Amino acid sequence: MGSVNIRPFLSYLFVVVLIFAGMGIIILPLLPLTERIIGGFSLLGGLIVFMVLIINIFEKYIKPVQSASRVADELVKGNYKARTYVSYFGEAGKLSNAINVLARNLQEITLQEKMQESQMRTVIDNMESGLMLIDEKGYVHLINRKFLQIFEGEPKDFMGFLYYDVLDQERIHKAVQEAFLYEEKVKDSFTISGQIERKSIEVVGAPIFNEKQVLNGAVLVFHDITELKKLEEMRKDFVANVSHELKTPITSIRGFAETLLEGAMEDIQLRRQFLEIILKEGERLQALIYDLLELSKLEKDEMRLEYQNIDLSSLVEELLPVIKQQAVKKQIDLSIKLPDTLEIVADADRLKQVFINLLNNAVNYTSDNGKVLLKVSEKLNHIEITISDTGIGIPDEAQSRIFERFYRVDRARSRNTGGTGLGLAIVKHIVEAHHGEIRLESQLEKGTTFIISLPRKPEYSKGLF
């Protein structure tokens, strides 16, 4: 009978046996000897009949009800796997079946709720925005993984606390207060200091209402807009820098042209000097526009790279005469270390731009009698290009920005070398388009080394990157 309580069954059985035993003790002595045997068998038969009836009643009615009661207790405790004794007789059978159906339904509902809760938790935790849920009293009830990343904490630091005790930002307090006060969505932004850098955060607060339209709390969504702010600053800097770079040659061209028109044209020597300056500034303006167009092409997703098998050593040898000519003028020792042959799959014209830009920079920013080294070596599945010089070097604070468009460590000297301020930005885009990497090592007044790593056979599809 398992865990079913058999005490009632034993009690009933004991009472029946006791009654029939009493009847036998009282009645049998009063009967003649021959009738005593008949009477004894009659009592025994009656006892057996009663025992069969009791067992039948217990199995069909009492046992199912007890089992149903036990399962009901388990369901109340939350154990929806419990099942009752199945009876196929009368109302007790219906009760057993109903209890089992209820248990199965509750188990299915619980499993569905757990699955939905797990899915909801997964969605919330994988949101790209931070999430915080507070009740009408201001206690924090829910946060997600992105929220913890933004505020750099653990769940125990926030859960169950009042929001204004765990968040110091006044803008957040204001957003919550306005959401409760005006019962509508509010938006604000603020900055917080992270372990590495300051973060720009946008917070959106919205009130939560129950089915009776009574305010029940608020949900706060935090968007990390640090990168958007950086892009906005870069856009502003780019516009300002382009305007500044274009203004200088245009002002010079216009100024010298006006001077010539006002009478300086009559002086042959002065006229020639001014025209040479105008030509030089025009060439600088042309170079700037060309580099801007090149950078625009490189930044477009549809730009195609013309991949082909090229011998990198031969490609470098083609460029050396121009670079050597500049190096000889400044008496710079230009050293080249190349393997005899080195095959690579790449865009030859784009790689020429990389070498020309970096070698020109190395020569231009190295003092007379300095040294410039170009070294190409073969690794396992990639090649490494190293261009180093003994030039003026780059300060530590400028090294992280050296690949930005128009960024110049020394603006006056950069212009004197004829640079547009876009060369390194172009180099970085070309290297990344080939699925490579570029980094630099530099010490002020000791020199700079650019190290480029390119895959020998980059993965590409239809020449697109």
Protein backbone atom coordinates (compact mmCIF):
# COMPACT_ATOMS: atom_id res chain seq x y z
CA MET A 1 0.00 0.00 0.00
CA GLY A 2 3.02 2.25 -0.10
CA SER A 3 2.80 5.45 1.85
CA VAL A 4 -1.00 5.21 2.18
CA ASN A 5 -2.15 5.27 5.81
CA ILE A 6 -3.46 1.72 6.67
CA ARG A 7 -4.30 2.50 10.28
CA PRO A 8 -8.07 2.90 9.59
CA PHE A 9 -8.10 -0.44 7.76
CA LEU A 10 -6.40 -2.22 10.66
CA SER A 11 -8.72 -0.50 13.15
CA TYR A 12 -11.85 -1.59 11.30
CA LEU A 13 -10.48 -5.12 10.96
CA PHE A 14 -9.66 -5.34 14.65
CA VAL A 15 -13.16 -4.12 15.65
CA VAL A 16 -14.88 -6.69 13.37
CA VAL A 17 -12.72 -9.53 14.67
CA LEU A 18 -13.40 -8.41 18.24
CA ILE A 19 -17.17 -8.31 17.63
CA PHE A 20 -17.29 -11.75 16.03
CA ALA A 21 -15.08 -13.20 18.80
CA GLY A 22 -17.42 -11.75 21.45
CA MET A 23 -20.43 -13.16 19.66
CA GLY A 24 -18.79 -16.57 19.56
CA ILE A 25 -17.92 -16.44 23.27
CA ILE A 26 -21.47 -15.44 24.20
CA ILE A 27 -23.57 -17.52 21.75
CA LEU A 28 -21.66 -20.77 21.24
CA PRO A 29 -21.80 -22.00 24.92
CA LEU A 30 -25.60 -21.70 24.80
CA LEU A 31 -25.95 -24.07 21.84
CA PRO A 32 -25.94 -27.86 21.82
CA LEU A 33 -22.69 -29.52 20.78
CA THR A 34 -23.81 -30.33 17.23
CA GLU A 35 -25.13 -26.79 16.70
CA ARG A 36 -21.96 -25.22 18.12
CA ILE A 37 -19.99 -26.48 15.08
CA ILE A 38 -22.53 -25.04 12.70
CA GLY A 39 -22.62 -21.77 14.66
CA GLY A 40 -18.80 -21.56 14.70
CA PHE A 41 -18.59 -22.00 10.96
CA SER A 42 -21.38 -19.46 10.48
CA LEU A 43 -19.53 -16.88 12.59
CA LEU A 44 -16.27 -17.63 10.76
CA GLY A 45 -18.01 -17.27 7.41
CA GLY A 46 -19.56 -14.01 8.50
CA LEU A 47 -16.14 -12.77 9.68
CA ILE A 48 -14.60 -13.61 6.31
CA VAL A 49 -17.42 -11.83 4.44
CA PHE A 50 -17.02 -8.71 6.60
CA MET A 51 -13.24 -8.77 6.10
CA VAL A 52 -13.66 -8.98 2.32
CA LEU A 53 -16.15 -6.09 2.41
CA ILE A 54 -13.81 -3.96 4.54
CA ILE A 55 -10.84 -4.67 2.25
CA ASN A 56 -12.95 -3.84 -0.80
CA ILE A 57 -14.22 -0.59 0.73
CA PHE A 58 -10.70 0.37 1.74
CA GLU A 59 -9.21 -0.35 -1.71
CA LYS A 60 -11.98 1.33 -3.69
CA TYR A 61 -12.83 4.33 -1.51
CA ILE A 62 -10.62 4.97 1.50
CA LYS A 63 -7.26 4.36 -0.17
CA PRO A 64 -7.94 6.66 -3.21
CA VAL A 65 -9.20 9.44 -0.94
CA GLN A 66 -6.13 9.16 1.30
CA SER A 67 -3.84 9.17 -1.74
CA ALA A 68 -5.67 12.19 -3.20
CA SER A 69 -5.30 14.02 0.11
CA ARG A 70 -1.57 13.27 0.22
CA VAL A 71 -1.05 14.47 -3.36
CA ALA A 72 -3.07 17.63 -2.67
CA ASP A 73 -0.70 18.40 0.22
CA GLU A 74 2.30 17.89 -2.10
CA LEU A 75 0.75 20.21 -4.71
CA VAL A 76 0.26 22.87 -2.04
CA LYS A 77 3.98 22.54 -1.23
CA GLY A 78 4.88 23.04 -4.90
CA ASN A 79 5.74 19.44 -5.78
CA TYR A 80 3.86 19.17 -9.08
CA LYS A 81 5.44 15.79 -9.90
CA ALA A 82 3.30 14.00 -7.30
CA ARG A 83 0.58 11.65 -8.56
CA THR A 84 -2.33 9.96 -6.74
CA TYR A 85 -3.56 6.33 -6.58
CA VAL A 86 -5.66 5.70 -9.66
CA SER A 87 -9.05 4.18 -8.94
CA TYR A 88 -11.57 3.21 -11.58
CA PHE A 89 -14.62 2.99 -9.31
CA GLY A 90 -17.24 5.61 -8.56
CA GLU A 91 -16.65 9.08 -7.23
CA ALA A 92 -13.30 8.12 -5.68
CA GLY A 93 -12.02 7.21 -9.16
CA LYS A 94 -13.19 10.54 -10.56
CA LEU A 95 -11.45 12.35 -7.69
CA SER A 96 -8.16 10.48 -8.32
CA ASN A 97 -8.25 11.22 -12.04
CA ALA A 98 -9.11 14.89 -11.43
CA ILE A 99 -6.21 15.25 -8.96
CA ASN A 100 -3.78 13.68 -11.46
CA VAL A 101 -4.99 15.91 -14.31
CA LEU A 102 -4.61 18.95 -12.05
CA ALA A 103 -1.07 17.88 -11.09
CA ARG A 104 -0.10 17.39 -14.75
CA ASN A 105 -1.52 20.77 -15.76
CA LEU A 106 0.26 22.51 -12.89
CA GLN A 107 3.53 20.81 -13.84
CA GLU A 108 3.18 21.90 -17.48
CA ILE A 109 2.31 25.46 -16.46
CA THR A 110 5.31 25.56 -14.12
CA LEU A 111 7.64 24.26 -16.85
CA GLN A 112 6.29 26.85 -19.29
CA GLU A 113 6.72 29.61 -16.72
CA LYS A 114 10.29 28.50 -16.03
CA MET A 115 11.06 28.43 -19.75
CA GLN A 116 9.49 31.85 -20.27
CA GLU A 117 11.31 33.22 -17.24
CA SER A 118 14.59 31.79 -18.54
CA GLN A 119 13.97 33.23 -22.00
CA MET A 120 13.00 36.60 -20.55
CA ARG A 121 16.09 36.58 -18.32
CA THR A 122 18.26 35.73 -21.32
CA VAL A 123 16.73 38.53 -23.38
CA ILE A 124 17.09 41.05 -20.56
CA ASP A 125 20.68 40.04 -19.78
CA ASN A 126 21.71 40.23 -23.43
CA MET A 127 20.21 43.64 -24.08
CA GLU A 128 22.68 46.25 -25.29
CA SER A 129 21.16 48.71 -22.84
CA GLY A 130 21.20 48.69 -19.05
CA LEU A 131 17.88 47.98 -17.33
CA MET A 132 16.68 48.71 -13.80
CA LEU A 133 13.20 48.10 -12.39
CA ILE A 134 12.08 49.84 -9.20
CA ASP A 135 8.79 49.62 -7.27
CA GLU A 136 6.56 52.48 -6.17
CA LYS A 137 8.70 52.97 -3.04
CA GLY A 138 11.96 53.19 -4.99
CA TYR A 139 13.42 49.76 -4.17
CA VAL A 140 15.41 48.04 -6.90
CA HIS A 141 13.82 44.76 -8.04
CA LEU A 142 15.55 43.96 -11.32
CA ILE A 143 18.83 44.79 -13.07
CA ASN A 144 20.57 43.21 -16.04
CA ARG A 145 24.14 42.42 -17.05
CA LYS A 146 24.64 45.59 -19.13
CA PHE A 147 23.57 47.71 -16.16
CA LEU A 148 26.28 46.06 -14.05
CA GLN A 149 28.84 46.70 -16.80
CA ILE A 150 27.92 50.38 -17.00
CA PHE A 151 28.00 50.99 -13.25
CA GLU A 152 30.76 48.41 -12.58
CA GLY A 153 29.14 46.59 -9.67
CA GLU A 154 27.65 43.31 -8.49
CA PRO A 155 23.94 42.39 -8.11
CA LYS A 156 24.27 42.43 -4.31
CA ASP A 157 25.30 46.10 -4.51
CA PHE A 158 21.92 47.14 -6.00
CA MET A 159 19.18 44.55 -5.49
CA GLY A 160 16.79 45.35 -2.64
CA PHE A 161 18.20 48.84 -2.02
CA LEU A 162 16.62 52.23 -2.61
CA TYR A 163 17.79 53.51 -6.00
CA TYR A 164 19.08 56.83 -4.60
CA ASP A 165 21.22 54.98 -2.05
CA VAL A 166 23.12 52.98 -4.69
CA LEU A 167 23.18 55.48 -7.59
CA ASP A 168 24.79 58.87 -6.96
CA GLN A 169 23.94 60.57 -10.25
CA GLU A 170 21.50 63.44 -9.73
CA ARG A 171 20.24 63.09 -13.31
CA ILE A 172 18.99 59.57 -12.51
CA HIS A 173 17.20 60.83 -9.39
CA LYS A 174 15.62 63.58 -11.47
CA ALA A 175 14.48 61.12 -14.17
CA VAL A 176 12.83 58.85 -11.58
CA GLN A 177 11.14 61.74 -9.80
CA GLU A 178 9.76 63.16 -13.05
CA ALA A 179 8.55 59.73 -14.18
CA PHE A 180 6.62 59.35 -10.90
CA LEU A 181 5.46 62.98 -10.81
CA TYR A 182 4.31 63.44 -14.42
CA GLU A 183 3.55 59.75 -15.08
CA GLU A 184 5.14 59.89 -18.52
CA LYS A 185 8.41 58.94 -20.21
CA VAL A 186 11.40 61.17 -19.46
CA LYS A 187 14.90 61.31 -20.96
CA ASP A 188 18.19 62.71 -19.68
CA SER A 189 21.93 62.13 -19.99
CA PHE A 190 24.96 62.19 -17.70
CA THR A 191 28.58 61.05 -17.50
CA ILE A 192 30.21 58.65 -15.09
CA SER A 193 33.86 57.90 -14.42
CA GLY A 194 34.79 54.32 -15.28
CA GLN A 195 37.96 52.45 -14.47
CA ILE A 196 39.42 53.22 -17.91
CA GLU A 197 37.53 56.22 -19.28
CA ARG A 198 34.52 58.43 -18.73
CA LYS A 199 31.25 57.08 -20.06
CA SER A 200 28.40 59.08 -21.56
CA ILE A 201 25.06 57.56 -20.58
CA GLU A 202 21.52 58.37 -21.72
CA VAL A 203 18.77 57.37 -19.29
CA VAL A 204 15.11 56.88 -20.27
CA GLY A 205 12.60 56.52 -17.44
CA ALA A 206 9.02 55.28 -17.87
CA PRO A 207 6.30 54.72 -15.23
CA ILE A 208 4.69 51.27 -14.77
CA PHE A 209 0.95 50.94 -14.13
CA ASN A 210 -1.02 47.92 -12.91
CA GLU A 211 -4.33 46.73 -14.38
CA LYS A 212 -6.18 49.39 -12.38
CA GLN A 213 -3.96 52.12 -13.86
CA VAL A 214 -2.34 52.73 -10.49
CA LEU A 215 1.35 53.68 -10.54
CA ASN A 216 3.26 50.55 -9.58
CA GLY A 217 6.90 51.55 -10.15
CA ALA A 218 9.22 52.65 -12.93
CA VAL A 219 11.63 51.14 -15.42
CA LEU A 220 14.91 52.86 -16.29
CA VAL A 221 16.82 52.09 -19.48
CA PHE A 222 20.46 53.18 -19.74
CA HIS A 223 22.07 53.59 -23.19
CA ASP A 224 25.86 53.81 -23.39
CA ILE A 225 26.36 56.62 -25.93
CA THR A 226 30.11 57.03 -25.35
CA GLU A 227 30.97 55.91 -28.89
CA LEU A 228 28.28 58.17 -30.38
CA LYS A 229 29.73 61.11 -28.47
CA LYS A 230 33.21 60.24 -29.73
CA LEU A 231 31.94 60.03 -33.31
CA GLU A 232 30.21 63.37 -32.90
CA GLU A 233 33.42 64.93 -31.59
CA MET A 234 35.39 63.35 -34.43
CA ARG A 235 32.91 64.75 -36.94
CA LYS A 236 33.22 68.22 -35.46
CA ASP A 237 37.01 67.96 -35.36
CA PHE A 238 37.05 66.71 -38.95
CA VAL A 239 34.96 69.63 -40.20
CA ALA A 240 37.08 72.11 -38.23
CA ASN A 241 40.35 70.55 -39.42
CA VAL A 242 39.29 70.40 -43.08
CA SER A 243 38.21 74.03 -42.90
CA HIS A 244 41.51 75.00 -41.30
CA GLU A 245 43.63 72.98 -43.73
CA LEU A 246 41.80 74.41 -46.74
CA LYS A 247 41.84 77.94 -45.39
CA THR A 248 45.65 78.23 -45.23
CA PRO A 249 46.51 77.51 -48.91
CA ILE A 250 43.43 79.35 -50.20
CA THR A 251 44.34 82.42 -48.15
CA SER A 252 47.91 82.29 -49.46
CA ILE A 253 46.80 81.89 -53.08
CA ARG A 254 44.30 84.70 -52.82
CA GLY A 255 46.70 87.01 -50.98
CA PHE A 256 49.55 86.62 -53.47
CA ALA A 257 47.19 86.86 -56.44
CA GLU A 258 45.77 90.15 -55.09
CA THR A 259 49.32 91.45 -54.52
CA LEU A 260 50.23 90.63 -58.12
CA LEU A 261 47.11 92.35 -59.44
CA GLU A 262 47.83 95.45 -57.37
CA GLY A 263 51.15 96.05 -59.16
CA ALA A 264 53.69 93.47 -58.05
CA MET A 265 53.25 91.83 -61.47
CA GLU A 266 55.57 94.44 -63.00
CA ASP A 267 58.50 93.20 -60.91
CA ILE A 268 59.68 90.08 -62.78
CA GLN A 269 61.63 88.61 -59.87
CA LEU A 270 58.82 89.23 -57.38
CA ARG A 271 56.22 87.94 -59.83
CA ARG A 272 58.14 84.70 -60.30
CA GLN A 273 58.51 84.26 -56.53
CA PHE A 274 54.81 84.83 -55.93
CA LEU A 275 53.77 82.50 -58.74
CA GLU A 276 56.01 79.77 -57.34
CA ILE A 277 54.33 80.19 -53.96
CA ILE A 278 50.89 80.07 -55.58
CA LEU A 279 51.90 76.90 -57.47
CA LYS A 280 53.23 75.31 -54.29
CA GLU A 281 50.05 76.14 -52.35
CA GLY A 282 47.94 74.89 -55.26
CA GLU A 283 49.82 71.58 -55.27
CA ARG A 284 49.32 71.33 -51.51
CA LEU A 285 45.60 72.00 -51.94
CA GLN A 286 45.43 69.38 -54.70
CA ALA A 287 47.23 66.82 -52.51
CA LEU A 288 44.84 67.52 -49.65
CA ILE A 289 41.76 67.05 -51.83
CA TYR A 290 43.26 63.89 -53.35
CA ASP A 291 43.92 62.41 -49.90
CA LEU A 292 40.40 63.30 -48.78
CA LEU A 293 38.96 61.48 -51.79
CA GLU A 294 41.22 58.49 -51.15
CA LEU A 295 40.16 58.32 -47.52
CA SER A 296 36.52 58.59 -48.54
CA LYS A 297 36.95 55.65 -50.94
CA LEU A 298 38.66 53.55 -48.29
CA GLU A 299 35.92 54.19 -45.75
CA LYS A 300 33.13 53.12 -48.11
CA ASP A 301 31.93 49.55 -47.66
CA GLU A 302 31.67 48.99 -51.38
CA MET A 303 35.35 49.82 -52.07
CA ARG A 304 37.01 46.94 -53.90
CA LEU A 305 40.53 45.66 -53.39
CA GLU A 306 42.18 44.22 -56.48
CA TYR A 307 43.76 41.10 -54.98
CA GLN A 308 46.58 39.48 -56.92
CA ASN A 309 49.72 37.45 -56.36
CA ILE A 310 52.62 39.90 -56.03
CA ASP A 311 56.28 39.67 -55.13
CA LEU A 312 56.61 42.07 -52.21
CA SER A 313 60.38 42.38 -52.64
CA SER A 314 59.99 43.53 -56.27
CA LEU A 315 57.23 45.95 -55.28
CA VAL A 316 59.48 47.62 -52.68
CA GLU A 317 62.40 47.80 -55.14
CA GLU A 318 60.18 49.80 -57.54
CA LEU A 319 59.56 52.45 -54.88
CA LEU A 320 63.10 52.84 -53.57
CA PRO A 321 64.49 55.31 -56.16
CA VAL A 322 62.09 58.08 -55.09
CA ILE A 323 62.70 57.45 -51.37
CA LYS A 324 66.47 57.19 -51.84
CA GLN A 325 66.49 60.52 -53.62
CA GLN A 326 64.92 62.23 -50.59
CA ALA A 327 67.22 60.36 -48.19
CA VAL A 328 70.36 61.42 -50.10
CA LYS A 329 69.36 65.09 -49.84
CA LYS A 330 69.32 64.81 -46.04
CA GLN A 331 72.29 62.40 -45.93
CA ILE A 332 70.11 59.78 -44.25
CA ASP A 333 71.32 56.18 -44.13
CA LEU A 334 68.48 54.19 -45.74
CA SER A 335 68.82 50.45 -45.04
CA ILE A 336 66.64 47.83 -46.75
CA LYS A 337 66.39 44.22 -45.58
CA LEU A 338 64.28 42.08 -47.88
CA PRO A 339 64.15 38.38 -48.70
CA ASP A 340 64.97 37.55 -52.33
CA THR A 341 61.36 36.65 -53.09
CA LEU A 342 58.27 36.94 -50.94
CA GLU A 343 54.86 36.08 -52.39
CA ILE A 344 51.73 37.68 -50.95
CA VAL A 345 48.10 38.03 -52.08
CA ALA A 346 47.22 41.73 -51.84
CA ASP A 347 46.33 44.91 -53.70
CA ALA A 348 49.65 46.12 -55.13
CA ASP A 349 48.65 49.77 -55.61
CA ARG A 350 47.31 50.06 -52.05
CA LEU A 351 50.44 48.48 -50.58
CA LYS A 352 52.56 51.00 -52.51
CA GLN A 353 50.61 53.77 -50.77
CA VAL A 354 51.44 52.19 -47.40
CA PHE A 355 55.17 51.99 -48.10
CA ILE A 356 55.37 55.46 -49.66
CA ASN A 357 53.51 57.15 -46.79
CA LEU A 358 55.50 55.47 -44.03
CA LEU A 359 58.90 55.80 -45.72
CA ASN A 360 58.26 59.46 -46.59
CA ASN A 361 57.29 60.15 -42.97
CA ALA A 362 60.40 58.34 -41.72
CA VAL A 363 62.69 60.43 -43.97
CA ASN A 364 60.86 63.73 -43.40
CA TYR A 365 60.83 63.46 -39.61
CA THR A 366 64.42 62.26 -39.28
CA SER A 367 67.18 64.83 -38.90
CA ASP A 368 70.15 65.01 -41.25
CA ASN A 369 72.63 62.12 -40.97
CA GLY A 370 69.94 59.97 -39.32
CA LYS A 371 68.96 56.39 -40.11
CA VAL A 372 65.87 54.75 -41.63
CA LEU A 373 65.39 50.98 -41.78
CA LEU A 374 62.87 48.98 -43.80
CA LYS A 375 62.72 45.31 -42.89
CA VAL A 376 60.35 42.67 -44.26
CA SER A 377 60.30 39.21 -42.68
CA GLU A 378 58.23 36.09 -43.21
CA LYS A 379 56.32 34.47 -40.32
CA LEU A 380 54.14 31.34 -40.19
CA ASN A 381 51.09 32.55 -42.11
CA HIS A 382 51.74 36.27 -42.33
CA ILE A 383 54.46 38.76 -43.11
CA GLU A 384 55.81 41.51 -40.87
CA ILE A 385 56.88 44.89 -42.21
CA THR A 386 58.98 47.10 -39.94
CA ILE A 387 59.83 50.72 -40.76
CA SER A 388 61.95 52.45 -38.12
CA ASP A 389 63.80 55.75 -37.94
CA THR A 390 65.97 57.77 -35.57
CA GLY A 391 63.77 60.85 -35.90
CA ILE A 392 62.01 63.18 -33.49
CA GLY A 393 59.71 60.48 -32.10
CA ILE A 394 56.13 60.77 -30.89
CA PRO A 395 55.11 61.72 -27.31
CA ASP A 396 53.28 59.05 -25.31
CA GLU A 397 50.10 61.13 -25.04
CA ALA A 398 49.91 61.48 -28.84
CA GLN A 399 50.52 57.86 -29.80
CA SER A 400 46.90 56.78 -29.31
CA ARG A 401 45.69 59.52 -31.70
CA ILE A 402 48.38 59.40 -34.36
CA PHE A 403 46.13 57.54 -36.84
CA GLU A 404 43.29 60.10 -36.57
CA ARG A 405 42.57 62.25 -39.59
CA PHE A 406 44.42 65.58 -39.53
CA TYR A 407 46.00 64.87 -36.15
CA ARG A 408 49.45 66.42 -36.00
CA VAL A 409 51.97 66.17 -33.18
CA ASP A 410 53.71 69.36 -34.35
CA ARG A 411 51.46 71.32 -36.73
CA ALA A 412 54.10 73.80 -37.87
CA ARG A 413 56.68 71.12 -38.69
CA SER A 414 54.08 68.88 -40.32
CA ARG A 415 53.14 71.57 -42.79
CA ASN A 416 56.77 72.31 -43.56
CA THR A 417 57.23 68.67 -44.62
CA GLY A 418 54.34 68.99 -47.06
CA GLY A 419 52.06 66.50 -45.33
CA THR A 420 48.28 66.70 -45.42
CA GLY A 421 47.70 65.04 -42.04
CA LEU A 422 45.82 62.16 -43.69
CA GLY A 423 48.67 59.80 -44.57
CA LEU A 424 48.59 57.63 -41.46
CA ALA A 425 44.78 57.46 -41.51
CA ILE A 426 45.00 56.15 -45.09
CA VAL A 427 47.70 53.64 -44.11
CA LYS A 428 45.59 52.30 -41.24
CA HIS A 429 42.52 51.85 -43.45
CA ILE A 430 44.52 50.02 -46.15
CA VAL A 431 46.15 47.68 -43.62
CA GLU A 432 42.80 46.88 -41.97
CA ALA A 433 41.22 46.36 -45.41
CA HIS A 434 43.79 43.58 -45.92
CA HIS A 435 42.75 42.12 -42.53
CA GLY A 436 46.10 43.17 -41.07
CA GLU A 437 47.25 45.14 -38.04
CA ILE A 438 49.48 48.17 -37.54
CA ARG A 439 51.07 49.39 -34.35
CA LEU A 440 53.83 51.76 -33.38
CA GLU A 441 56.62 52.04 -30.84
CA SER A 442 58.15 55.43 -30.27
CA GLN A 443 60.34 57.41 -27.88
CA LEU A 444 60.64 61.18 -27.98
CA GLU A 445 63.87 62.33 -29.67
CA LYS A 446 64.94 58.70 -30.21
CA GLY A 447 62.80 57.55 -33.10
CA THR A 448 59.68 55.72 -34.19
CA THR A 449 58.97 52.19 -35.42
CA PHE A 450 55.85 51.17 -37.32
CA ILE A 451 55.14 47.43 -37.36
CA ILE A 452 52.65 46.02 -39.87
CA SER A 453 51.38 42.45 -39.86
CA LEU A 454 49.65 41.24 -43.04
CA PRO A 455 48.22 37.78 -43.78
CA ARG A 456 49.85 36.14 -46.79
CA LYS A 457 46.49 34.96 -48.12
CA PRO A 458 43.69 37.00 -46.54
CA GLU A 459 40.14 35.66 -46.55
CA TYR A 460 38.08 37.75 -48.90
CA SER A 461 34.92 37.45 -50.89
CA LYS A 462 34.68 38.94 -54.40
CA GLY A 463 37.35 41.45 -53.51
CA LEU A 464 35.16 43.27 -51.00
CA PHE A 465 36.05 44.25 -47.49
